[in-house]
């Protein structure tokens, strides 16, 4: 036995009332296949078109390296002109991916090709749409977003494998203290339960996104992603309406962003080892207590 993965709810379209009642308020993930049918981007954003509008802008690239608790998170592995990168992910497998790229600064006209789903909810951060690109074999390590937004994640040009976990499981997932990512010594697709026993029985949701599909990820959801094909995604972010969630977001940015970075710089490997040991201790404690059942 390992993770217990359930299929995600999937709809073609959904009314604002149903979305709020069944997914937004209870914070349940959902795939909406028809959300982008009226977006020009759905047909227009081909690799050739994106190469044309972004051109030779040099972009940082990230690989499948595990998160190193002693180093800054999201450090790039290399860089490459955008058009060359797009050719590469279409022609061969690669781990290299583009992370949180504000493509709209390079090509503002692309904003005309998308429609924020304001009929479903408010609070969208209109200045923060971002794109993610990956070659087949590239993986985004297991984490949750530090600012705790709701995310509408639309995929283009291929397939993407996603595994989601509620934040209640974070200690059973070996969450690194003062961080938003897990002790990444295990393979999310095939974890070693003998080495990481707290993972056994953790429940999650498995998703396979195709071109044009939109995944609603509620605030605080852990996510692991693997590009099956060379392809790309757009994330639209929105604040949760609750005051407590906004306060938690500010706390994360201050403590898990600022203070944690200072401690990493000051204590380096010693601090990293301490956090890894504490992650294991917390996971074993929750497993022994049977939590979060």
Protein backbone atom coordinates (compact mmCIF):
# COMPACT_ATOMS: atom_id res chain seq x y z
CA UNK A 1 0.00 0.00 0.00
CA UNK A 2 1.14 3.57 -0.65
CA UNK A 3 -0.74 6.77 -1.41
CA UNK A 4 -4.48 6.37 -1.90
CA UNK A 5 -5.21 8.43 -5.00
CA UNK A 6 -8.76 9.29 -6.02
CA UNK A 7 -9.93 10.61 -9.41
CA UNK A 8 -10.79 14.28 -9.60
CA UNK A 9 -14.27 15.63 -10.23
CA UNK A 10 -14.52 16.74 -13.86
CA UNK A 11 -17.17 18.88 -15.56
CA UNK A 12 -17.56 20.47 -18.97
CA UNK A 13 -18.98 23.69 -17.49
CA UNK A 14 -20.31 24.74 -14.10
CA UNK A 15 -22.60 27.47 -12.79
CA UNK A 16 -21.24 30.03 -10.31
CA UNK A 17 -23.68 28.74 -7.69
CA UNK A 18 -22.58 25.12 -8.04
CA UNK A 19 -18.92 26.09 -8.12
CA UNK A 20 -19.18 28.11 -4.92
CA UNK A 21 -21.26 25.52 -3.06
CA UNK A 22 -19.43 22.37 -4.12
CA UNK A 23 -15.83 23.46 -4.76
CA UNK A 24 -14.88 26.99 -3.70
CA UNK A 25 -16.40 27.00 -0.21
CA UNK A 26 -15.41 23.41 0.71
CA UNK A 27 -12.06 23.87 -1.09
CA UNK A 28 -12.32 20.86 -3.38
CA UNK A 29 -10.28 20.55 -6.59
CA UNK A 30 -12.07 20.39 -9.94
CA UNK A 31 -11.25 20.11 -13.64
CA UNK A 32 -13.34 22.33 -15.92
CA UNK A 33 -12.84 21.16 -19.48
CA UNK A 34 -14.91 23.85 -21.19
CA UNK A 35 -13.75 26.94 -19.31
CA UNK A 36 -11.38 28.00 -22.11
CA UNK A 37 -13.58 27.19 -25.11
CA UNK A 38 -14.18 30.89 -25.74
CA UNK A 39 -10.56 31.89 -25.13
CA UNK A 40 -8.61 32.88 -28.26
CA UNK A 41 -5.57 31.32 -26.49
CA UNK A 42 -7.01 27.82 -26.81
CA UNK A 43 -6.35 27.71 -30.55
CA UNK A 44 -3.97 30.63 -30.95
CA UNK A 45 -1.21 29.76 -28.48
CA UNK A 46 0.68 27.27 -30.60
CA UNK A 47 4.42 26.82 -30.01
CA UNK A 48 5.14 28.67 -33.26
CA UNK A 49 2.99 31.62 -32.23
CA UNK A 50 4.59 31.88 -28.79
CA UNK A 51 8.04 31.71 -30.38
CA UNK A 52 7.02 34.53 -32.67
CA UNK A 53 5.80 36.88 -29.93
CA UNK A 54 8.47 36.13 -27.29
CA UNK A 55 11.41 35.54 -29.63
CA UNK A 56 14.94 35.25 -28.29
CA UNK A 57 14.27 36.47 -24.77
CA UNK A 58 16.73 34.57 -22.55
CA UNK A 59 14.87 32.65 -19.83
CA UNK A 60 16.11 30.79 -16.72
CA UNK A 61 15.57 27.02 -16.79
CA UNK A 62 15.08 24.61 -13.89
CA UNK A 63 15.73 20.88 -13.66
CA UNK A 64 14.37 18.02 -11.54
CA UNK A 65 16.79 18.59 -8.68
CA UNK A 66 15.27 17.99 -5.28
CA UNK A 67 14.67 20.97 -3.03
CA UNK A 68 17.84 21.53 -1.00
CA UNK A 69 16.88 22.91 2.43
CA UNK A 70 20.29 24.57 2.75
CA UNK A 71 19.96 26.59 -0.45
CA UNK A 72 17.53 29.16 -1.88
CA UNK A 73 14.50 27.48 -3.40
CA UNK A 74 13.93 27.71 -7.16
CA UNK A 75 17.54 28.29 -8.19
CA UNK A 76 17.90 27.98 -11.97
CA UNK A 77 20.13 25.32 -13.53
CA UNK A 78 20.87 27.14 -16.81
CA UNK A 79 19.35 29.59 -19.28
CA UNK A 80 18.46 29.64 -22.98
CA UNK A 81 16.73 31.84 -25.58
CA UNK A 82 12.99 31.18 -25.43
CA UNK A 83 12.61 30.18 -29.09
CA UNK A 84 15.41 27.61 -28.80
CA UNK A 85 13.87 26.20 -25.65
CA UNK A 86 10.49 25.78 -27.36
CA UNK A 87 12.15 23.87 -30.20
CA UNK A 88 13.92 21.64 -27.69
CA UNK A 89 10.85 20.59 -25.69
CA UNK A 90 9.02 19.73 -28.92
CA UNK A 91 11.84 17.59 -30.31
CA UNK A 92 13.26 15.66 -27.35
CA UNK A 93 12.70 14.68 -23.72
CA UNK A 94 14.28 17.05 -21.21
CA UNK A 95 14.07 17.84 -17.50
CA UNK A 96 14.42 21.55 -18.16
CA UNK A 97 11.40 23.71 -17.47
CA UNK A 98 10.48 27.39 -17.22
CA UNK A 99 9.10 28.37 -13.83
CA UNK A 100 6.68 31.23 -13.12
CA UNK A 101 7.40 33.17 -16.32
CA UNK A 102 5.53 36.47 -16.75
CA UNK A 103 5.27 36.08 -20.49
CA UNK A 104 2.89 39.04 -20.64
CA UNK A 105 5.70 41.49 -19.92
CA UNK A 106 7.34 40.29 -23.12
CA UNK A 107 4.13 40.07 -25.13
CA UNK A 108 1.31 42.10 -23.50
CA UNK A 109 -1.01 41.33 -26.42
CA UNK A 110 -1.37 37.80 -25.04
CA UNK A 111 -3.58 39.18 -22.27
CA UNK A 112 -6.26 39.73 -24.91
CA UNK A 113 -6.35 35.97 -25.50
CA UNK A 114 -7.49 34.93 -22.01
CA UNK A 115 -10.58 35.58 -19.89
CA UNK A 116 -10.40 35.70 -16.11
CA UNK A 117 -13.21 33.47 -14.72
CA UNK A 118 -14.72 36.28 -12.67
CA UNK A 119 -18.17 34.77 -13.09
CA UNK A 120 -17.01 31.93 -10.81
CA UNK A 121 -15.22 33.97 -8.15
CA UNK A 122 -13.55 37.30 -7.41
CA UNK A 123 -10.18 38.26 -6.01
CA UNK A 124 -8.03 37.60 -9.07
CA UNK A 125 -4.51 39.02 -9.00
CA UNK A 126 -4.63 40.55 -12.46
CA UNK A 127 -0.98 41.58 -12.34
CA UNK A 128 0.23 38.03 -11.65
CA UNK A 129 -0.76 35.65 -14.44
CA UNK A 130 2.22 33.36 -15.03
CA UNK A 131 3.20 30.56 -17.37
CA UNK A 132 5.07 27.32 -16.84
CA UNK A 133 6.78 25.28 -19.58
CA UNK A 134 8.28 21.82 -19.45
CA UNK A 135 9.69 19.06 -21.60
CA UNK A 136 8.58 15.48 -21.28
CA UNK A 137 10.28 14.11 -18.15
CA UNK A 138 10.37 17.46 -16.34
CA UNK A 139 8.90 17.45 -12.83
CA UNK A 140 7.77 20.12 -10.39
CA UNK A 141 8.60 18.87 -6.89
CA UNK A 142 5.87 18.45 -4.27
CA UNK A 143 4.96 21.77 -2.62
CA UNK A 144 2.20 24.26 -1.94
CA UNK A 145 2.23 27.94 -2.92
CA UNK A 146 3.61 30.18 -0.20
CA UNK A 147 1.03 32.96 -0.68
CA UNK A 148 -1.91 30.53 -0.42
CA UNK A 149 -3.92 31.60 -3.50
CA UNK A 150 -6.68 29.75 -5.26
CA UNK A 151 -5.27 28.75 -8.66
CA UNK A 152 -6.91 28.17 -12.04
CA UNK A 153 -4.25 26.17 -13.91
CA UNK A 154 -4.93 25.78 -17.64
CA UNK A 155 -2.82 23.43 -19.74
CA UNK A 156 -1.87 23.77 -23.42
CA UNK A 157 -0.22 21.67 -26.08
CA UNK A 158 -0.01 18.23 -24.51
CA UNK A 159 -0.60 16.25 -21.34
CA UNK A 160 0.38 16.79 -17.72
CA UNK A 161 0.21 14.46 -14.72
CA UNK A 162 -0.78 16.10 -11.42
CA UNK A 163 -1.06 14.68 -7.89
CA UNK A 164 -2.74 16.79 -5.19
CA UNK A 165 -2.92 16.54 -1.40
CA UNK A 166 -4.91 18.54 1.14
CA UNK A 167 -2.77 20.63 3.48
CA UNK A 168 -4.03 18.57 6.46
CA UNK A 169 -1.59 15.86 5.33
CA UNK A 170 1.46 18.14 5.34
CA UNK A 171 3.27 16.50 8.26
CA UNK A 172 2.58 13.00 6.94
CA UNK A 173 4.13 14.24 3.68
CA UNK A 174 7.34 15.08 5.56
CA UNK A 175 6.87 18.83 5.21
CA UNK A 176 10.10 20.73 5.91
CA UNK A 177 9.56 23.04 8.92
CA UNK A 178 9.35 26.75 7.99
CA UNK A 179 8.99 25.76 4.34
CA UNK A 180 6.29 24.96 1.80
CA UNK A 181 7.81 21.81 0.33
CA UNK A 182 8.41 18.24 1.38
CA UNK A 183 11.47 16.24 2.31
CA UNK A 184 12.03 15.32 -1.32
CA UNK A 185 13.96 12.10 -0.90
CA UNK A 186 10.97 10.07 -2.08
CA UNK A 187 9.43 9.45 -5.48
CA UNK A 188 5.86 10.78 -5.40
CA UNK A 189 4.81 8.28 -8.09
CA UNK A 190 6.34 5.32 -6.26
CA UNK A 191 7.37 6.24 -2.69
CA UNK A 192 9.52 3.94 -0.56
CA UNK A 193 7.12 3.18 2.28
CA UNK A 194 9.76 1.29 4.27
CA UNK A 195 11.92 4.41 4.38
CA UNK A 196 9.02 6.86 4.69
CA UNK A 197 6.26 4.95 6.54
CA UNK A 198 4.13 8.05 7.25
CA UNK A 199 3.27 8.24 3.53
CA UNK A 200 1.38 4.96 3.70
CA UNK A 201 -2.34 5.60 3.44
CA UNK A 202 -2.10 9.34 2.74
CA UNK A 203 -5.03 10.25 0.49
CA UNK A 204 -4.68 12.43 -2.58
CA UNK A 205 -6.20 13.22 -5.95
CA UNK A 206 -4.74 12.25 -9.32
CA UNK A 207 -5.29 14.32 -12.47
CA UNK A 208 -4.27 13.99 -16.11
CA UNK A 209 -4.66 17.34 -17.84
CA UNK A 210 -5.09 17.65 -21.61
CA UNK A 211 -5.01 20.64 -23.94
CA UNK A 212 -7.49 23.31 -22.82
CA UNK A 213 -8.31 21.70 -19.45
CA UNK A 214 -8.43 23.98 -16.40
CA UNK A 215 -7.59 22.63 -12.95
CA UNK A 216 -9.00 24.53 -9.97
CA UNK A 217 -6.54 24.09 -7.08
CA UNK A 218 -7.93 25.50 -3.83
CA UNK A 219 -5.76 27.48 -1.45
CA UNK A 220 -3.10 25.48 0.36
CA UNK A 221 -3.27 22.34 -1.80
CA UNK A 222 0.01 20.48 -2.21
CA UNK A 223 0.81 19.67 -5.84
CA UNK A 224 3.31 17.57 -7.75
CA UNK A 225 3.39 17.85 -11.54
CA UNK A 226 5.05 15.94 -14.38
CA UNK A 227 4.95 16.93 -18.04
CA UNK A 228 4.05 13.87 -20.11
CA UNK A 229 4.58 15.84 -23.32
CA UNK A 230 6.55 19.00 -24.00
CA UNK A 231 3.84 21.56 -23.20
CA UNK A 232 2.92 24.59 -21.10
CA UNK A 233 0.40 25.95 -18.60
CA UNK A 234 -1.09 29.24 -17.47
CA UNK A 235 -1.83 29.90 -13.80
CA UNK A 236 -4.35 32.54 -12.73
CA UNK A 237 -4.22 33.33 -9.03
CA UNK A 238 -6.98 34.64 -6.75
CA UNK A 239 -7.15 35.53 -3.07
CA UNK A 240 -9.30 33.51 -0.73
CA UNK A 241 -12.06 35.74 0.67
CA UNK A 242 -11.43 34.88 4.34
CA UNK A 243 -9.44 37.24 6.57
CA UNK A 244 -7.73 34.28 8.27
CA UNK A 245 -6.40 32.97 4.95
CA UNK A 246 -5.01 36.35 3.99
CA UNK A 247 -3.33 36.58 7.39
CA UNK A 248 -1.84 33.11 6.88
CA UNK A 249 -0.53 34.21 3.49
CA UNK A 250 1.26 37.22 5.02
CA UNK A 251 2.67 35.01 7.78
CA UNK A 252 4.03 32.54 5.22
CA UNK A 253 5.65 35.29 3.18
CA UNK A 254 7.29 36.76 6.29
CA UNK A 255 8.35 33.59 8.13
CA UNK A 256 8.65 30.91 5.44
CA UNK A 257 10.06 33.44 3.01
CA UNK A 258 12.06 36.11 4.82
CA UNK A 259 13.04 34.66 8.20
CA UNK A 260 13.74 31.20 6.79
CA UNK A 261 16.08 32.64 4.15
CA UNK A 262 18.05 34.44 6.89
CA UNK A 263 18.37 31.23 8.92
CA UNK A 264 19.56 29.32 5.84
CA UNK A 265 22.27 31.89 5.22
CA UNK A 266 23.34 31.97 8.87
CA UNK A 267 23.39 28.27 9.74
CA UNK A 268 23.49 26.52 6.33
CA UNK A 269 23.96 22.73 6.56
CA UNK A 270 23.38 22.63 10.30
CA UNK A 271 19.97 24.28 9.90
CA UNK A 272 19.15 22.04 6.94
CA UNK A 273 19.91 18.88 8.90
CA UNK A 274 17.86 20.11 11.88
CA UNK A 275 14.82 20.74 9.66
CA UNK A 276 15.08 17.37 7.93
CA UNK A 277 15.27 15.54 11.26
CA UNK A 278 12.28 17.51 12.57
CA UNK A 279 10.25 16.69 9.43
CA UNK A 280 10.81 12.97 10.05
CA UNK A 281 10.00 13.32 13.76
CA UNK A 282 6.72 15.14 13.04
CA UNK A 283 5.74 12.62 10.36
CA UNK A 284 6.32 9.66 12.66
CA UNK A 285 4.41 11.33 15.48
CA UNK A 286 1.36 11.95 13.27
CA UNK A 287 1.52 8.41 11.93
CA UNK A 288 1.56 7.01 15.48
CA UNK A 289 -1.41 9.20 16.41
CA UNK A 290 -3.34 8.12 13.33
CA UNK A 291 -3.70 11.70 12.14
CA UNK A 292 -5.31 13.43 10.38
CA UNK A 293 -8.14 10.92 10.55
